[in-house]
C-alpha atoms as a PDB file:
ATOM      1  CA  MET A   1       0.000   0.000   0.000  1.00  0.00           C
ATOM      2  CA  TYR A   2       1.260   3.469  -0.796  1.00  0.00           C
ATOM      3  CA  ILE A   3       2.008   5.525   2.302  1.00  0.00           C
ATOM      4  CA  CYS A   4       3.468   8.577   0.567  1.00  0.00           C
ATOM      5  CA  LEU A   5       2.108   9.444  -2.843  1.00  0.00           C
ATOM      6  CA  CYS A   6       4.440  12.400  -3.324  1.00  0.00           C
ATOM      7  CA  ASN A   7       7.527  10.197  -3.039  1.00  0.00           C
ATOM      8  CA  GLY A   8       5.996   6.857  -4.021  1.00  0.00           C
ATOM      9  CA  LEU A   9       6.814   5.206  -0.684  1.00  0.00           C
ATOM     10  CA  THR A  10       5.029   1.969   0.160  1.00  0.00           C
ATOM     11  CA  ASP A  11       4.427   0.429   3.561  1.00  0.00           C
ATOM     12  CA  ARG A  12       7.129  -2.143   2.798  1.00  0.00           C
ATOM     13  CA  VAL A  13       9.721   0.513   1.974  1.00  0.00           C
ATOM     14  CA  VAL A  14       8.852   2.505   5.093  1.00  0.00           C
ATOM     15  CA  GLY A  15       8.969  -0.685   7.184  1.00  0.00           C
ATOM     16  CA  GLN A  16      12.402  -1.552   5.801  1.00  0.00           C
ATOM     17  CA  ALA A  17      13.653   1.939   6.654  1.00  0.00           C
ATOM     18  CA  VAL A  18      12.343   1.599  10.215  1.00  0.00           C
ATOM     19  CA  GLU A  19      13.825  -1.878  10.590  1.00  0.00           C
ATOM     20  CA  GLY A  20      17.085  -0.385   9.320  1.00  0.00           C
ATOM     21  CA  GLY A  21      17.136   2.066  12.223  1.00  0.00           C
ATOM     22  CA  ALA A  22      14.958   5.027  11.211  1.00  0.00           C
ATOM     23  CA  ALA A  23      13.091   6.204  14.322  1.00  0.00           C
ATOM     24  CA  ARG A  24      11.552   9.450  13.063  1.00  0.00           C
ATOM     25  CA  PRO A  25       9.758  10.419   9.867  1.00  0.00           C
ATOM     26  CA  GLY A  26      12.705  12.561   8.755  1.00  0.00           C
ATOM     27  CA  GLU A  27      14.995   9.572   9.146  1.00  0.00           C
ATOM     28  CA  VAL A  28      12.602   7.448   7.078  1.00  0.00           C
ATOM     29  CA  TYR A  29      12.674  10.034   4.278  1.00  0.00           C
ATOM     30  CA  ALA A  30      16.464  10.213   4.460  1.00  0.00           C
ATOM     31  CA  ALA A  31      16.763   6.410   4.327  1.00  0.00           C
ATOM     32  CA  CYS A  32      14.542   6.463   1.242  1.00  0.00           C
ATOM     33  CA  GLN A  33      16.603   9.285  -0.267  1.00  0.00           C
ATOM     34  CA  CYS A  34      13.731  11.747  -0.406  1.00  0.00           C
ATOM     35  CA  LYS A  35      12.174  14.594   1.583  1.00  0.00           C
ATOM     36  CA  ALA A  36       8.698  15.306   2.890  1.00  0.00           C
ATOM     37  CA  GLN A  37       6.586  17.080   0.318  1.00  0.00           C
ATOM     38  CA  CYS A  38       3.024  17.752   1.483  1.00  0.00           C
ATOM     39  CA  GLY A  39       3.389  15.998   4.860  1.00  0.00           C
ATOM     40  CA  SER A  40       0.092  14.120   4.804  1.00  0.00           C
ATOM     41  CA  CYS A  41       1.919  10.798   5.209  1.00  0.00           C
ATOM     42  CA  VAL A  42       3.683  11.719   8.457  1.00  0.00           C
ATOM     43  CA  ARG A  43       0.926  10.264  10.661  1.00  0.00           C
ATOM     44  CA  LEU A  44       1.032   6.959   8.809  1.00  0.00           C
ATOM     45  CA  ILE A  45       4.819   6.827   9.046  1.00  0.00           C
ATOM     46  CA  LEU A  46       4.628   7.546  12.786  1.00  0.00           C
ATOM     47  CA  GLY A  47       2.110   4.720  13.142  1.00  0.00           C
ATOM     48  CA  ILE A  48       4.414   2.288  11.357  1.00  0.00           C
ATOM     49  CA  ILE A  49       7.338   3.372  13.544  1.00  0.00           C
ATOM     50  CA  LYS A  50       5.231   2.888  16.681  1.00  0.00           C
ATOM     51  CA  ASP A  51       3.912  -0.507  15.572  1.00  0.00           C
ATOM     52  CA  LEU A  52       7.327  -1.858  14.669  1.00  0.00           C
ATOM     53  CA  ALA A  53       8.928  -0.471  17.841  1.00  0.00           C
ATOM     54  CA  SER A  54       6.342  -2.294  19.951  1.00  0.00           C
ATOM     55  CA  GLY A  55       6.999  -5.533  18.118  1.00  0.00           C
ATOM     56  CA  GLN A  56       3.698  -5.547  16.260  1.00  0.00           C
ATOM     57  CA  PRO A  57       3.529  -5.919  12.505  1.00  0.00           C
ATOM     58  CA  ALA A  58       2.854  -2.641  10.746  1.00  0.00           C
ATOM     59  CA  VAL A  59      -0.888  -2.455  10.199  1.00  0.00           C
ATOM     60  CA  GLN A  60      -2.212  -1.015   6.983  1.00  0.00           C
ATOM     61  CA  ARG A  61      -4.277   2.043   7.877  1.00  0.00           C
END
């Protein structure tokens, strides 16, 4: 599922960035070699970070 339409980031790509050590949305963008555009995906990225940090699989929202 696409999380960020501006940058074409999917939930899998975001999850890989988080599993690779990204702990904040800015770090996810940096790991994906892009920058926030409109910012509407930040809440979803935060949710994925929270889910993966708690040991739960990232839930599609």
